C-alpha atoms as a PDB file:
ATOM      1  CA  UNK A   1     103.874 123.366 105.154  1.00  0.00           C
ATOM      2  CA  UNK A   2     102.353 119.882 105.105  1.00  0.00           C
ATOM      3  CA  UNK A   3     102.566 117.922 108.353  1.00  0.00           C
ATOM      4  CA  UNK A   4     104.274 114.532 107.793  1.00  0.00           C
ATOM      5  CA  UNK A   5     102.103 111.488 108.351  1.00  0.00           C
ATOM      6  CA  UNK A   6     102.958 109.211 111.235  1.00  0.00           C
ATOM      7  CA  UNK A   7     103.756 105.548 110.594  1.00  0.00           C
ATOM      8  CA  UNK A   8     100.303 104.348 111.634  1.00  0.00           C
ATOM      9  CA  UNK A   9      98.582 107.042 109.576  1.00  0.00           C
ATOM     10  CA  UNK A  10     100.618 106.054 106.523  1.00  0.00           C
ATOM     11  CA  UNK A  11      99.687 102.404 107.068  1.00  0.00           C
ATOM     12  CA  UNK A  12      96.005 103.298 107.265  1.00  0.00           C
ATOM     13  CA  UNK A  13      96.252 105.410 104.123  1.00  0.00           C
ATOM     14  CA  UNK A  14      97.896 102.543 102.258  1.00  0.00           C
ATOM     15  CA  UNK A  15      95.090 100.245 103.344  1.00  0.00           C
ATOM     16  CA  UNK A  16      92.423 102.614 102.088  1.00  0.00           C
ATOM     17  CA  UNK A  17      94.283 103.025  98.782  1.00  0.00           C
ATOM     18  CA  UNK A  18      94.756  99.311  98.185  1.00  0.00           C
ATOM     19  CA  UNK A  19      91.338  98.092  99.308  1.00  0.00           C
ATOM     20  CA  UNK A  20      88.038  99.864  99.012  1.00  0.00           C
ATOM     21  CA  UNK A  21      86.093  96.713  99.859  1.00  0.00           C
ATOM     22  CA  UNK A  22      86.939  93.108 100.616  1.00  0.00           C
ATOM     23  CA  UNK A  23      85.642  90.760  97.927  1.00  0.00           C
ATOM     24  CA  UNK A  24      83.754  87.793  99.382  1.00  0.00           C
ATOM     25  CA  UNK A  25      82.522  86.478  96.035  1.00  0.00           C
ATOM     26  CA  UNK A  26      85.708  84.465  95.552  1.00  0.00           C
ATOM     27  CA  UNK A  27      87.102  81.291  97.085  1.00  0.00           C
ATOM     28  CA  UNK A  28      89.667  81.212  99.901  1.00  0.00           C
ATOM     29  CA  UNK A  29      92.160  79.882  97.334  1.00  0.00           C
ATOM     30  CA  UNK A  30      91.573  82.994  95.235  1.00  0.00           C
ATOM     31  CA  UNK A  31      92.120  85.135  98.312  1.00  0.00           C
ATOM     32  CA  UNK A  32      95.432  83.377  98.970  1.00  0.00           C
ATOM     33  CA  UNK A  33      96.514  84.029  95.385  1.00  0.00           C
ATOM     34  CA  UNK A  34      95.586  87.686  95.744  1.00  0.00           C
ATOM     35  CA  UNK A  35      97.508  87.919  99.018  1.00  0.00           C
ATOM     36  CA  UNK A  36     100.536  86.237  97.450  1.00  0.00           C
ATOM     37  CA  UNK A  37     100.649  88.837  94.690  1.00  0.00           C
ATOM     38  CA  UNK A  38     100.736  91.624  97.255  1.00  0.00           C
ATOM     39  CA  UNK A  39     103.271  89.785  99.430  1.00  0.00           C
ATOM     40  CA  UNK A  40     105.598  89.412  96.462  1.00  0.00           C
ATOM     41  CA  UNK A  41     105.188  93.049  95.431  1.00  0.00           C
ATOM     42  CA  UNK A  42     106.095  94.327  98.888  1.00  0.00           C
ATOM     43  CA  UNK A  43     102.572  95.137 100.116  1.00  0.00           C
ATOM     44  CA  UNK A  44     102.723  92.892 103.167  1.00  0.00           C
ATOM     45  CA  UNK A  45     100.128  94.813 105.160  1.00  0.00           C
ATOM     46  CA  UNK A  46      97.618  94.342 102.363  1.00  0.00           C
ATOM     47  CA  UNK A  47      98.499  90.636 102.127  1.00  0.00           C
ATOM     48  CA  UNK A  48      98.110  90.304 105.873  1.00  0.00           C
ATOM     49  CA  UNK A  49      94.695  91.936 105.818  1.00  0.00           C
ATOM     50  CA  UNK A  50      93.401  89.517 103.195  1.00  0.00           C
ATOM     51  CA  UNK A  51      94.775  86.441 104.955  1.00  0.00           C
ATOM     52  CA  UNK A  52      93.761  87.393 108.501  1.00  0.00           C
ATOM     53  CA  UNK A  53      90.221  88.334 107.552  1.00  0.00           C
ATOM     54  CA  UNK A  54      89.814  84.904 105.921  1.00  0.00           C
ATOM     55  CA  UNK A  55      90.855  82.996 109.068  1.00  0.00           C
ATOM     56  CA  UNK A  56      87.998  81.963 111.395  1.00  0.00           C
ATOM     57  CA  UNK A  57      88.122  83.742 114.721  1.00  0.00           C
ATOM     58  CA  UNK A  58      88.559  80.522 116.701  1.00  0.00           C
ATOM     59  CA  UNK A  59      91.592  79.594 114.573  1.00  0.00           C
ATOM     60  CA  UNK A  60      93.334  82.967 114.642  1.00  0.00           C
ATOM     61  CA  UNK A  61      95.371  82.272 117.813  1.00  0.00           C
ATOM     62  CA  UNK A  62      96.817  78.982 116.555  1.00  0.00           C
ATOM     63  CA  UNK A  63      97.372  80.465 113.068  1.00  0.00           C
ATOM     64  CA  UNK A  64      99.331  83.347 114.560  1.00  0.00           C
ATOM     65  CA  UNK A  65     101.196  80.995 116.903  1.00  0.00           C
ATOM     66  CA  UNK A  66     102.282  78.807 113.985  1.00  0.00           C
ATOM     67  CA  UNK A  67     103.862  81.851 112.349  1.00  0.00           C
ATOM     68  CA  UNK A  68     105.608  82.879 115.559  1.00  0.00           C
ATOM     69  CA  UNK A  69     106.869  79.360 116.259  1.00  0.00           C
ATOM     70  CA  UNK A  70     108.491  79.193 112.824  1.00  0.00           C
ATOM     71  CA  UNK A  71     110.206  82.535 113.374  1.00  0.00           C
ATOM     72  CA  UNK A  72     111.435  81.545 116.828  1.00  0.00           C
ATOM     73  CA  UNK A  73     113.511  78.703 115.449  1.00  0.00           C
ATOM     74  CA  UNK A  74     116.046  81.357 114.471  1.00  0.00           C
ATOM     75  CA  UNK A  75     116.659  82.700 117.991  1.00  0.00           C
ATOM     76  CA  UNK A  76     117.094  81.193 121.456  1.00  0.00           C
ATOM     77  CA  UNK A  77     113.637  80.898 122.996  1.00  0.00           C
ATOM     78  CA  UNK A  78     112.776  83.427 125.689  1.00  0.00           C
ATOM     79  CA  UNK A  79     110.267  82.900 128.474  1.00  0.00           C
ATOM     80  CA  UNK A  80     107.961  85.762 127.481  1.00  0.00           C
ATOM     81  CA  UNK A  81     107.559  84.531 123.899  1.00  0.00           C
ATOM     82  CA  UNK A  82     107.103  80.961 125.087  1.00  0.00           C
ATOM     83  CA  UNK A  83     104.278  82.238 127.298  1.00  0.00           C
ATOM     84  CA  UNK A  84     102.588  83.916 124.305  1.00  0.00           C
ATOM     85  CA  UNK A  85     102.739  80.636 122.385  1.00  0.00           C
ATOM     86  CA  UNK A  86     101.174  78.775 125.312  1.00  0.00           C
ATOM     87  CA  UNK A  87      98.475  81.472 125.575  1.00  0.00           C
ATOM     88  CA  UNK A  88      97.590  81.044 121.895  1.00  0.00           C
ATOM     89  CA  UNK A  89      97.650  77.252 121.999  1.00  0.00           C
ATOM     90  CA  UNK A  90      95.426  76.795 125.056  1.00  0.00           C
ATOM     91  CA  UNK A  91      91.897  78.008 124.310  1.00  0.00           C
ATOM     92  CA  UNK A  92      90.478  75.634 126.916  1.00  0.00           C
ATOM     93  CA  UNK A  93      92.323  77.579 129.610  1.00  0.00           C
ATOM     94  CA  UNK A  94      92.138  81.095 128.194  1.00  0.00           C
ATOM     95  CA  UNK A  95      89.462  81.126 125.508  1.00  0.00           C
ATOM     96  CA  UNK A  96      86.410  82.023 127.572  1.00  0.00           C
ATOM     97  CA  UNK A  97      87.150  85.771 127.624  1.00  0.00           C
ATOM     98  CA  UNK A  98      86.367  85.942 131.343  1.00  0.00           C
ATOM     99  CA  UNK A  99      86.836  89.376 132.899  1.00  0.00           C
ATOM    100  CA  UNK A 100      88.485  87.714 135.892  1.00  0.00           C
ATOM    101  CA  UNK A 101      91.338  86.641 133.601  1.00  0.00           C
ATOM    102  CA  UNK A 102      91.505  89.874 131.626  1.00  0.00           C
ATOM    103  CA  UNK A 103      94.503  91.432 133.376  1.00  0.00           C
ATOM    104  CA  UNK A 104      96.489  88.198 133.265  1.00  0.00           C
ATOM    105  CA  UNK A 105      95.641  87.687 129.589  1.00  0.00           C
ATOM    106  CA  UNK A 106      96.707  91.246 128.796  1.00  0.00           C
ATOM    107  CA  UNK A 107      99.914  90.568 130.678  1.00  0.00           C
ATOM    108  CA  UNK A 108     101.228  88.256 127.950  1.00  0.00           C
ATOM    109  CA  UNK A 109     101.403  91.249 125.625  1.00  0.00           C
ATOM    110  CA  UNK A 110     102.759  93.542 128.342  1.00  0.00           C
ATOM    111  CA  UNK A 111     105.668  91.205 129.107  1.00  0.00           C
ATOM    112  CA  UNK A 112     106.782  91.014 125.472  1.00  0.00           C
ATOM    113  CA  UNK A 113     106.292  94.748 125.002  1.00  0.00           C
ATOM    114  CA  UNK A 114     108.692  95.402 127.883  1.00  0.00           C
ATOM    115  CA  UNK A 115     111.348  93.339 126.083  1.00  0.00           C
ATOM    116  CA  UNK A 116     110.731  95.173 122.809  1.00  0.00           C
ATOM    117  CA  UNK A 117     111.276  98.541 124.478  1.00  0.00           C
ATOM    118  CA  UNK A 118     114.559  97.303 125.934  1.00  0.00           C
ATOM    119  CA  UNK A 119     115.797  95.766 122.676  1.00  0.00           C
ATOM    120  CA  UNK A 120     118.472  97.620 120.728  1.00  0.00           C
ATOM    121  CA  UNK A 121     117.627  98.397 117.121  1.00  0.00           C
ATOM    122  CA  UNK A 122     120.799  96.792 115.830  1.00  0.00           C
ATOM    123  CA  UNK A 123     119.477  93.372 116.890  1.00  0.00           C
ATOM    124  CA  UNK A 124     117.161  93.322 113.892  1.00  0.00           C
ATOM    125  CA  UNK A 125     116.047  89.681 113.947  1.00  0.00           C
ATOM    126  CA  UNK A 126     115.311  89.538 117.663  1.00  0.00           C
ATOM    127  CA  UNK A 127     113.379  92.806 117.634  1.00  0.00           C
ATOM    128  CA  UNK A 128     111.348  91.725 114.597  1.00  0.00           C
ATOM    129  CA  UNK A 129     110.328  88.531 116.390  1.00  0.00           C
ATOM    130  CA  UNK A 130     109.432  90.451 119.527  1.00  0.00           C
ATOM    131  CA  UNK A 131     107.129  92.749 117.549  1.00  0.00           C
ATOM    132  CA  UNK A 132     105.607  89.682 115.896  1.00  0.00           C
ATOM    133  CA  UNK A 133     105.033  88.144 119.338  1.00  0.00           C
ATOM    134  CA  UNK A 134     103.303  91.352 120.471  1.00  0.00           C
ATOM    135  CA  UNK A 135     100.780  91.053 117.641  1.00  0.00           C
ATOM    136  CA  UNK A 136     100.282  87.336 118.231  1.00  0.00           C
ATOM    137  CA  UNK A 137      99.382  88.181 121.840  1.00  0.00           C
ATOM    138  CA  UNK A 138      96.985  90.891 120.600  1.00  0.00           C
ATOM    139  CA  UNK A 139      95.310  88.595 118.062  1.00  0.00           C
ATOM    140  CA  UNK A 140      94.893  85.890 120.700  1.00  0.00           C
ATOM    141  CA  UNK A 141      93.475  88.277 123.300  1.00  0.00           C
ATOM    142  CA  UNK A 142      90.970  89.617 120.773  1.00  0.00           C
ATOM    143  CA  UNK A 143      89.956  86.200 119.472  1.00  0.00           C
ATOM    144  CA  UNK A 144      89.337  84.891 122.978  1.00  0.00           C
ATOM    145  CA  UNK A 145      86.790  87.666 123.498  1.00  0.00           C
ATOM    146  CA  UNK A 146      88.317  89.682 126.329  1.00  0.00           C
ATOM    147  CA  UNK A 147      86.961  93.205 126.912  1.00  0.00           C
ATOM    148  CA  UNK A 148      88.833  96.341 125.807  1.00  0.00           C
ATOM    149  CA  UNK A 149      90.327  94.606 122.732  1.00  0.00           C
ATOM    150  CA  UNK A 150      93.548  95.606 121.034  1.00  0.00           C
ATOM    151  CA  UNK A 151      93.568  97.392 117.664  1.00  0.00           C
ATOM    152  CA  UNK A 152      91.652  95.536 114.973  1.00  0.00           C
ATOM    153  CA  UNK A 153      94.502  95.598 112.471  1.00  0.00           C
ATOM    154  CA  UNK A 154      96.944  93.760 114.768  1.00  0.00           C
ATOM    155  CA  UNK A 155      96.144  90.606 112.812  1.00  0.00           C
ATOM    156  CA  UNK A 156      96.920  92.289 109.517  1.00  0.00           C
ATOM    157  CA  UNK A 157     100.409  93.084 110.822  1.00  0.00           C
ATOM    158  CA  UNK A 158     101.326  89.423 111.328  1.00  0.00           C
ATOM    159  CA  UNK A 159     102.351  89.225 107.663  1.00  0.00           C
ATOM    160  CA  UNK A 160     104.227  92.511 107.855  1.00  0.00           C
ATOM    161  CA  UNK A 161     106.105  91.340 110.952  1.00  0.00           C
ATOM    162  CA  UNK A 162     106.914  87.998 109.362  1.00  0.00           C
ATOM    163  CA  UNK A 163     108.321  89.713 106.287  1.00  0.00           C
ATOM    164  CA  UNK A 164     110.753  91.589 108.548  1.00  0.00           C
ATOM    165  CA  UNK A 165     111.847  88.291 110.072  1.00  0.00           C
ATOM    166  CA  UNK A 166     112.289  86.796 106.606  1.00  0.00           C
ATOM    167  CA  UNK A 167     114.431  89.744 105.545  1.00  0.00           C
ATOM    168  CA  UNK A 168     116.591  89.451 108.659  1.00  0.00           C
ATOM    169  CA  UNK A 169     117.092  85.698 108.274  1.00  0.00           C
ATOM    170  CA  UNK A 170     117.845  86.135 104.565  1.00  0.00           C
ATOM    171  CA  UNK A 171     117.335  82.514 103.566  1.00  0.00           C
ATOM    172  CA  UNK A 172     115.301  81.471 100.522  1.00  0.00           C
ATOM    173  CA  UNK A 173     114.183  78.177 102.056  1.00  0.00           C
ATOM    174  CA  UNK A 174     112.853  79.910 105.159  1.00  0.00           C
ATOM    175  CA  UNK A 175     111.149  82.569 103.026  1.00  0.00           C
ATOM    176  CA  UNK A 176     109.208  79.861 101.191  1.00  0.00           C
ATOM    177  CA  UNK A 177     108.353  78.088 104.439  1.00  0.00           C
ATOM    178  CA  UNK A 178     107.202  81.342 106.034  1.00  0.00           C
ATOM    179  CA  UNK A 179     104.756  82.077 103.222  1.00  0.00           C
ATOM    180  CA  UNK A 180     103.471  78.492 103.284  1.00  0.00           C
ATOM    181  CA  UNK A 181     102.669  78.735 107.006  1.00  0.00           C
ATOM    182  CA  UNK A 182     101.188  82.217 106.768  1.00  0.00           C
ATOM    183  CA  UNK A 183      98.861  81.283 103.899  1.00  0.00           C
ATOM    184  CA  UNK A 184      98.015  77.723 104.947  1.00  0.00           C
ATOM    185  CA  UNK A 185      94.632  76.545 103.683  1.00  0.00           C
ATOM    186  CA  UNK A 186      94.195  74.847 107.037  1.00  0.00           C
ATOM    187  CA  UNK A 187      93.475  78.311 108.437  1.00  0.00           C
ATOM    188  CA  UNK A 188      92.693  80.620 105.495  1.00  0.00           C
ATOM    189  CA  UNK A 189      89.236  79.292 104.683  1.00  0.00           C
ATOM    190  CA  UNK A 190      86.462  81.761 105.519  1.00  0.00           C
ATOM    191  CA  UNK A 191      83.884  82.620 102.871  1.00  0.00           C
ATOM    192  CA  UNK A 192      82.131  85.369 104.889  1.00  0.00           C
ATOM    193  CA  UNK A 193      83.500  87.993 107.304  1.00  0.00           C
ATOM    194  CA  UNK A 194      83.527  87.564 111.080  1.00  0.00           C
ATOM    195  CA  UNK A 195      84.200  89.991 113.917  1.00  0.00           C
ATOM    196  CA  UNK A 196      87.583  89.891 115.661  1.00  0.00           C
ATOM    197  CA  UNK A 197      86.160  90.442 119.156  1.00  0.00           C
ATOM    198  CA  UNK A 198      82.634  90.966 120.589  1.00  0.00           C
ATOM    199  CA  UNK A 199      83.736  94.363 121.933  1.00  0.00           C
ATOM    200  CA  UNK A 200      85.491  95.647 118.782  1.00  0.00           C
ATOM    201  CA  UNK A 201      84.250  99.094 117.697  1.00  0.00           C
ATOM    202  CA  UNK A 202      84.366  97.990 114.062  1.00  0.00           C
ATOM    203  CA  UNK A 203      81.764  95.231 114.443  1.00  0.00           C
ATOM    204  CA  UNK A 204      78.776  97.130 113.058  1.00  0.00           C
ATOM    205  CA  UNK A 205      80.619  97.816 109.824  1.00  0.00           C
ATOM    206  CA  UNK A 206      80.726  94.126 108.944  1.00  0.00           C
ATOM    207  CA  UNK A 207      76.953  94.189 108.711  1.00  0.00           C
ATOM    208  CA  UNK A 208      76.494  97.535 106.977  1.00  0.00           C
ATOM    209  CA  UNK A 209      79.102  99.407 104.990  1.00  0.00           C
ATOM    210  CA  UNK A 210      81.647  96.639 104.495  1.00  0.00           C
ATOM    211  CA  UNK A 211      85.394  96.834 104.670  1.00  0.00           C
ATOM    212  CA  UNK A 212      85.787 100.156 102.901  1.00  0.00           C
ATOM    213  CA  UNK A 213      84.157 101.839 105.898  1.00  0.00           C
ATOM    214  CA  UNK A 214      86.047  99.581 108.304  1.00  0.00           C
ATOM    215  CA  UNK A 215      89.385 100.823 106.968  1.00  0.00           C
ATOM    216  CA  UNK A 216      88.275 104.438 107.399  1.00  0.00           C
ATOM    217  CA  UNK A 217      87.373 103.778 111.037  1.00  0.00           C
ATOM    218  CA  UNK A 218      90.698 102.050 111.676  1.00  0.00           C
ATOM    219  CA  UNK A 219      92.525 104.964 110.052  1.00  0.00           C
ATOM    220  CA  UNK A 220      90.682 107.421 112.288  1.00  0.00           C
ATOM    221  CA  UNK A 221      91.397 105.350 115.408  1.00  0.00           C
ATOM    222  CA  UNK A 222      95.096 105.149 114.628  1.00  0.00           C
ATOM    223  CA  UNK A 223      95.269 108.889 113.890  1.00  0.00           C
ATOM    224  CA  UNK A 224      93.655 109.596 117.284  1.00  0.00           C
ATOM    225  CA  UNK A 225      96.194 107.341 118.973  1.00  0.00           C
ATOM    226  CA  UNK A 226      99.037 109.205 117.265  1.00  0.00           C
ATOM    227  CA  UNK A 227      97.721 112.572 118.402  1.00  0.00           C
ATOM    228  CA  UNK A 228      97.494 111.314 121.986  1.00  0.00           C
ATOM    229  CA  UNK A 229     101.162 110.256 122.076  1.00  0.00           C
END
C-alpha cells in the first residue's frame, strides 16, 4: 500500500514537476507574464516562486507587507498582524539581523501563529489572512538576516496565501488589485538570483546546481519536517 504524501511533500513534488530550473535569461516582465499564466491556471505556488525569487532581498519585507496590508482591509485589524506590518516596514529598526534581537524578531511570527492555532476553520477569510501574516513574518525575518532562518519557500507561499484570501473575499475588483500588488514591477525586478538569508542551507545551490537542485533540497527538508511531527 502506498503511503499518502503529506501536504508539504505534495507541494514540494509540484514544485519539482513544474520547474526544473529557473530561467534567468528573460526580463522581469517576462517572469511576471509567466507567473500570471500559472496564477490563472491555479498553480499559485509556482507563480509565487517565480515572483518571490525575482524580488530583491532588501525589498522582500515591504513587498510582502503590501500584500498583507491589502488583504487586511477586509477584516478588522488585530494587534499581532499590525505588529508584523510594522516589523516589515521598519528595516532601520529591525534590518540588521542582530542576534540580540533574534528572539524578539521571531516573536512576531510566534504571536500570529498562536492566533492561527486558535482560529476556527469556518472563519475562512480571517484564517487565510493569519496564515498570510505568518509567511510575511517569515519572509521579513529571513530577509533581515537573522540566524536560524525560516523555511526558504515561505516567500513562495505568499501568492498561495493571497489566492485563498481572494477566494474568500470573492470580489473581482479585489482579485485584480491583489494580482497587481503581488506582481508589481516596483518589486519584481531581479535579473539574477539572490539568497534569502545568509544562514539559509540552500545558499550554495544558487552558485552551483541552480534551482532544480534547490527544489530537491527544499523537498527533502519539508519531508524531514513531516516525519518529525
